[in-house]
Amino acid sequence: MLLREYRMDDLATIHDINEAAYPAVGTETLEDLGHIASESLIALVAEVDSEIAGFCLVLAPGADYDSINFLWFREHYADFVYLDRIAISPAHQRSGLGRAMYAEVERLAAERRPSASDFTLEVNLRPRNDQSLTFHAGLGFVEVGQQETDYGTLVSLMAKPLPRD
């Protein structure tokens, strides 16, 4: 496995992975997903055997992004990094890619945004995503709120303090 920075020529492939992961991650147009990637503080791609197997996009508070969940964190936290989405192709799920990407996000967040106090994200409660809830609890994320979204889901808003040196 290789973790690397997202490149613009990855967009079509990460869009396909994103759309295959719905409803665990929100559906996006190719253009909107490209915008999120361009606004990301951290945009990672995981490759297995030279093929893209997954990706994650992480935003800082000043990003040009109007997600209701991102805006909730912006209202409630002074400084943070926000995992907007992570998606792994079905063939590579449960292979450690998610854990590896989260560890790299934490490392890069300390380097690129040392002022950030928390790693934040949301997980669906309706429709319920038990696999994701268990995964995130195992990594130390705790619920800091819940929110009904404008797209019809109920989410658990979660945070984890970022490691400090």
C-alpha atoms as a PDB file:
ATOM      1  CA  MET A   1       0.000   0.000   0.000  1.00  0.00           C
ATOM      2  CA  LEU A   2       1.136   3.514  -0.837  1.00  0.00           C
ATOM      3  CA  LEU A   3      -0.385   6.698   0.599  1.00  0.00           C
ATOM      4  CA  ARG A   4       0.174   9.781  -1.502  1.00  0.00           C
ATOM      5  CA  GLU A   5      -1.217  13.237  -2.110  1.00  0.00           C
ATOM      6  CA  TYR A   6      -4.292  13.549  -4.321  1.00  0.00           C
ATOM      7  CA  ARG A   7      -3.657  14.768  -7.885  1.00  0.00           C
ATOM      8  CA  MET A   8      -6.243  16.322 -10.191  1.00  0.00           C
ATOM      9  CA  ASP A   9      -5.992  13.344 -12.566  1.00  0.00           C
ATOM     10  CA  ASP A  10      -7.283  11.121  -9.697  1.00  0.00           C
ATOM     11  CA  LEU A  11     -10.673  12.842  -9.695  1.00  0.00           C
ATOM     12  CA  ALA A  12     -12.627  10.459 -11.946  1.00  0.00           C
ATOM     13  CA  THR A  13     -11.453   7.411  -9.996  1.00  0.00           C
ATOM     14  CA  ILE A  14     -12.102   8.884  -6.559  1.00  0.00           C
ATOM     15  CA  HIS A  15     -15.523  10.013  -7.778  1.00  0.00           C
ATOM     16  CA  ASP A  16     -16.335   6.417  -8.769  1.00  0.00           C
ATOM     17  CA  ILE A  17     -15.197   5.172  -5.331  1.00  0.00           C
ATOM     18  CA  ASN A  18     -17.196   7.933  -3.623  1.00  0.00           C
ATOM     19  CA  GLU A  19     -20.397   7.130  -5.480  1.00  0.00           C
ATOM     20  CA  ALA A  20     -20.033   3.382  -4.812  1.00  0.00           C
ATOM     21  CA  ALA A  21     -19.803   4.152  -1.077  1.00  0.00           C
ATOM     22  CA  TYR A  22     -23.149   5.994  -0.890  1.00  0.00           C
ATOM     23  CA  PRO A  23     -24.959   6.309   1.585  1.00  0.00           C
ATOM     24  CA  ALA A  24     -21.970   5.867   3.941  1.00  0.00           C
ATOM     25  CA  VAL A  25     -20.564   8.985   2.255  1.00  0.00           C
ATOM     26  CA  GLY A  26     -22.559  11.667   0.527  1.00  0.00           C
ATOM     27  CA  THR A  27     -22.998  11.594  -3.215  1.00  0.00           C
ATOM     28  CA  GLU A  28     -21.331  14.453  -5.109  1.00  0.00           C
ATOM     29  CA  THR A  29     -21.088  15.622  -8.681  1.00  0.00           C
ATOM     30  CA  LEU A  30     -17.661  15.293 -10.245  1.00  0.00           C
ATOM     31  CA  GLU A  31     -17.324  19.087 -10.150  1.00  0.00           C
ATOM     32  CA  ASP A  32     -18.333  19.371  -6.471  1.00  0.00           C
ATOM     33  CA  LEU A  33     -15.980  16.570  -5.432  1.00  0.00           C
ATOM     34  CA  GLY A  34     -13.177  18.329  -7.305  1.00  0.00           C
ATOM     35  CA  HIS A  35     -13.982  21.534  -5.411  1.00  0.00           C
ATOM     36  CA  ILE A  36     -13.860  19.737  -2.046  1.00  0.00           C
ATOM     37  CA  ALA A  37     -10.512  18.197  -2.988  1.00  0.00           C
ATOM     38  CA  SER A  38      -9.136  21.593  -4.023  1.00  0.00           C
ATOM     39  CA  GLU A  39     -10.236  23.119  -0.689  1.00  0.00           C
ATOM     40  CA  SER A  40      -8.739  20.274   1.350  1.00  0.00           C
ATOM     41  CA  LEU A  41      -5.864  20.826   3.725  1.00  0.00           C
ATOM     42  CA  ILE A  42      -5.141  17.102   3.387  1.00  0.00           C
ATOM     43  CA  ALA A  43      -6.207  15.049   0.374  1.00  0.00           C
ATOM     44  CA  LEU A  44      -4.847  11.515   0.343  1.00  0.00           C
ATOM     45  CA  VAL A  45      -5.097   8.637  -2.073  1.00  0.00           C
ATOM     46  CA  ALA A  46      -4.322   5.044  -1.110  1.00  0.00           C
ATOM     47  CA  GLU A  47      -2.881   2.862  -3.848  1.00  0.00           C
ATOM     48  CA  VAL A  48      -2.673  -0.911  -3.838  1.00  0.00           C
ATOM     49  CA  ASP A  49      -0.776  -2.545  -6.696  1.00  0.00           C
ATOM     50  CA  SER A  50      -0.610   0.857  -8.450  1.00  0.00           C
ATOM     51  CA  GLU A  51      -4.416   1.217  -8.450  1.00  0.00           C
ATOM     52  CA  ILE A  52      -6.394   3.713  -6.376  1.00  0.00           C
ATOM     53  CA  ALA A  53      -8.110   1.788  -3.591  1.00  0.00           C
ATOM     54  CA  GLY A  54      -9.396   4.678  -1.483  1.00  0.00           C
ATOM     55  CA  PHE A  55      -9.118   8.344  -0.592  1.00  0.00           C
ATOM     56  CA  CYS A  56      -9.849  10.874   2.113  1.00  0.00           C
ATOM     57  CA  LEU A  57     -10.442  14.631   2.095  1.00  0.00           C
ATOM     58  CA  VAL A  58      -9.806  16.775   5.177  1.00  0.00           C
ATOM     59  CA  LEU A  59     -10.688  20.465   5.508  1.00  0.00           C
ATOM     60  CA  ALA A  60      -9.546  23.279   7.790  1.00  0.00           C
ATOM     61  CA  PRO A  61     -12.007  25.821   9.266  1.00  0.00           C
ATOM     62  CA  GLY A  62     -11.466  28.449   6.550  1.00  0.00           C
ATOM     63  CA  ALA A  63     -12.367  26.185   3.630  1.00  0.00           C
ATOM     64  CA  ASP A  64     -14.935  27.368   1.088  1.00  0.00           C
ATOM     65  CA  TYR A  65     -17.447  24.642   1.878  1.00  0.00           C
ATOM     66  CA  ASP A  66     -21.092  24.792   2.927  1.00  0.00           C
ATOM     67  CA  SER A  67     -21.717  21.295   4.316  1.00  0.00           C
ATOM     68  CA  ILE A  68     -24.110  21.545   7.251  1.00  0.00           C
ATOM     69  CA  ASN A  69     -21.862  19.206   9.271  1.00  0.00           C
ATOM     70  CA  PHE A  70     -18.677  21.149   8.500  1.00  0.00           C
ATOM     71  CA  LEU A  71     -20.467  24.367   9.444  1.00  0.00           C
ATOM     72  CA  TRP A  72     -21.550  22.823  12.770  1.00  0.00           C
ATOM     73  CA  PHE A  73     -17.907  22.197  13.682  1.00  0.00           C
ATOM     74  CA  ARG A  74     -16.928  25.674  12.522  1.00  0.00           C
ATOM     75  CA  GLU A  75     -19.549  27.124  14.905  1.00  0.00           C
ATOM     76  CA  HIS A  76     -18.528  24.942  17.869  1.00  0.00           C
ATOM     77  CA  TYR A  77     -14.721  24.610  17.593  1.00  0.00           C
ATOM     78  CA  ALA A  78     -12.069  27.320  17.420  1.00  0.00           C
ATOM     79  CA  ASP A  79      -9.627  25.240  15.365  1.00  0.00           C
ATOM     80  CA  PHE A  80      -9.928  21.726  13.994  1.00  0.00           C
ATOM     81  CA  VAL A  81      -9.458  19.501  10.991  1.00  0.00           C
ATOM     82  CA  TYR A  82     -12.610  18.003   9.487  1.00  0.00           C
ATOM     83  CA  LEU A  83     -12.677  14.691   7.670  1.00  0.00           C
ATOM     84  CA  ASP A  84     -15.286  15.412   5.033  1.00  0.00           C
ATOM     85  CA  ARG A  85     -15.092  11.958   3.548  1.00  0.00           C
ATOM     86  CA  ILE A  86     -13.178   8.746   3.375  1.00  0.00           C
ATOM     87  CA  ALA A  87     -14.089   6.002   0.946  1.00  0.00           C
ATOM     88  CA  ILE A  88     -12.429   2.695   0.184  1.00  0.00           C
ATOM     89  CA  SER A  89     -13.281   0.484  -2.756  1.00  0.00           C
ATOM     90  CA  PRO A  90     -15.189  -2.673  -1.741  1.00  0.00           C
ATOM     91  CA  ALA A  91     -12.298  -4.970  -2.704  1.00  0.00           C
ATOM     92  CA  HIS A  92     -10.012  -3.238  -0.189  1.00  0.00           C
ATOM     93  CA  GLN A  93     -12.319  -2.646   2.758  1.00  0.00           C
ATOM     94  CA  ARG A  94     -11.252  -4.053   6.124  1.00  0.00           C
ATOM     95  CA  SER A  95      -7.636  -4.261   4.959  1.00  0.00           C
ATOM     96  CA  GLY A  96      -6.162  -1.520   7.150  1.00  0.00           C
ATOM     97  CA  LEU A  97      -6.353   1.295   4.595  1.00  0.00           C
ATOM     98  CA  GLY A  98      -8.706   3.360   6.743  1.00  0.00           C
ATOM     99  CA  ARG A  99      -6.490   3.123   9.828  1.00  0.00           C
ATOM    100  CA  ALA A 100      -3.425   3.982   7.751  1.00  0.00           C
ATOM    101  CA  MET A 101      -5.115   7.050   6.256  1.00  0.00           C
ATOM    102  CA  TYR A 102      -6.286   8.264   9.681  1.00  0.00           C
ATOM    103  CA  ALA A 103      -2.777   7.913  11.104  1.00  0.00           C
ATOM    104  CA  GLU A 104      -1.398   9.900   8.160  1.00  0.00           C
ATOM    105  CA  VAL A 105      -4.086  12.570   8.590  1.00  0.00           C
ATOM    106  CA  GLU A 106      -3.062  12.983  12.232  1.00  0.00           C
ATOM    107  CA  ARG A 107       0.612  13.232  11.265  1.00  0.00           C
ATOM    108  CA  LEU A 108      -0.049  15.746   8.488  1.00  0.00           C
ATOM    109  CA  ALA A 109      -2.479  17.782  10.611  1.00  0.00           C
ATOM    110  CA  ALA A 110       0.257  18.280  13.219  1.00  0.00           C
ATOM    111  CA  GLU A 111       2.585  19.465  10.458  1.00  0.00           C
ATOM    112  CA  ARG A 112       0.184  21.576   8.382  1.00  0.00           C
ATOM    113  CA  ARG A 113      -2.146  22.914  11.077  1.00  0.00           C
ATOM    114  CA  PRO A 114      -0.413  22.642  14.444  1.00  0.00           C
ATOM    115  CA  SER A 115      -2.997  24.985  15.993  1.00  0.00           C
ATOM    116  CA  ALA A 116      -5.827  22.461  15.395  1.00  0.00           C
ATOM    117  CA  SER A 117      -7.054  20.892  18.610  1.00  0.00           C
ATOM    118  CA  ASP A 118      -9.406  18.241  17.263  1.00  0.00           C
ATOM    119  CA  PHE A 119      -9.921  15.769  14.433  1.00  0.00           C
ATOM    120  CA  THR A 120     -13.650  15.955  13.614  1.00  0.00           C
ATOM    121  CA  LEU A 121     -16.113  14.076  11.423  1.00  0.00           C
ATOM    122  CA  GLU A 122     -19.624  12.696  11.337  1.00  0.00           C
ATOM    123  CA  VAL A 123     -21.069   9.205  11.031  1.00  0.00           C
ATOM    124  CA  ASN A 124     -24.603   8.325   9.995  1.00  0.00           C
ATOM    125  CA  LEU A 125     -27.034   7.289  12.709  1.00  0.00           C
ATOM    126  CA  ARG A 126     -29.917   7.177  10.216  1.00  0.00           C
ATOM    127  CA  PRO A 127     -29.318   5.273   8.046  1.00  0.00           C
ATOM    128  CA  ARG A 128     -27.217   3.656  10.748  1.00  0.00           C
ATOM    129  CA  ASN A 129     -23.610   2.848   9.932  1.00  0.00           C
ATOM    130  CA  ASP A 130     -22.623   0.485  12.767  1.00  0.00           C
ATOM    131  CA  GLN A 131     -19.357  -0.528  11.093  1.00  0.00           C
ATOM    132  CA  SER A 132     -18.220   3.107  10.962  1.00  0.00           C
ATOM    133  CA  LEU A 133     -19.430   3.884  14.493  1.00  0.00           C
ATOM    134  CA  THR A 134     -17.460   0.916  15.869  1.00  0.00           C
ATOM    135  CA  PHE A 135     -14.373   1.809  13.809  1.00  0.00           C
ATOM    136  CA  HIS A 136     -14.360   5.418  15.019  1.00  0.00           C
ATOM    137  CA  ALA A 137     -15.008   4.509  18.661  1.00  0.00           C
ATOM    138  CA  GLY A 138     -12.018   2.144  18.458  1.00  0.00           C
ATOM    139  CA  LEU A 139      -9.853   5.051  17.279  1.00  0.00           C
ATOM    140  CA  GLY A 140     -10.921   7.239  20.204  1.00  0.00           C
ATOM    141  CA  PHE A 141     -13.581   9.419  18.567  1.00  0.00           C
ATOM    142  CA  VAL A 142     -16.482  10.407  20.825  1.00  0.00           C
ATOM    143  CA  GLU A 143     -19.849  11.914  20.020  1.00  0.00           C
ATOM    144  CA  VAL A 144     -19.982  15.655  20.650  1.00  0.00           C
ATOM    145  CA  GLY A 145     -23.409  16.258  19.137  1.00  0.00           C
ATOM    146  CA  GLN A 146     -26.080  15.000  16.780  1.00  0.00           C
ATOM    147  CA  GLN A 147     -27.642  16.753  13.846  1.00  0.00           C
ATOM    148  CA  GLU A 148     -30.510  16.208  11.464  1.00  0.00           C
ATOM    149  CA  THR A 149     -29.200  17.101   8.019  1.00  0.00           C
ATOM    150  CA  ASP A 150     -30.842  18.924   5.165  1.00  0.00           C
ATOM    151  CA  TYR A 151     -30.440  15.753   3.076  1.00  0.00           C
ATOM    152  CA  GLY A 152     -32.512  13.551   5.401  1.00  0.00           C
ATOM    153  CA  THR A 153     -29.995  11.753   7.616  1.00  0.00           C
ATOM    154  CA  LEU A 154     -29.265  11.934  11.306  1.00  0.00           C
ATOM    155  CA  VAL A 155     -25.545  12.090  12.078  1.00  0.00           C
ATOM    156  CA  SER A 156     -23.337  11.654  15.087  1.00  0.00           C
ATOM    157  CA  LEU A 157     -20.871  14.538  15.176  1.00  0.00           C
ATOM    158  CA  MET A 158     -17.612  13.105  16.516  1.00  0.00           C
ATOM    159  CA  ALA A 159     -14.268  14.483  17.632  1.00  0.00           C
ATOM    160  CA  LYS A 160     -10.937  13.242  18.868  1.00  0.00           C
ATOM    161  CA  PRO A 161      -8.163  15.409  20.315  1.00  0.00           C
ATOM    162  CA  LEU A 162      -5.197  15.574  17.989  1.00  0.00           C
ATOM    163  CA  PRO A 163      -1.950  14.269  19.461  1.00  0.00           C
ATOM    164  CA  ARG A 164       0.449  16.902  20.744  1.00  0.00           C
ATOM    165  CA  ASP A 165       4.224  16.605  20.791  1.00  0.00           C
END
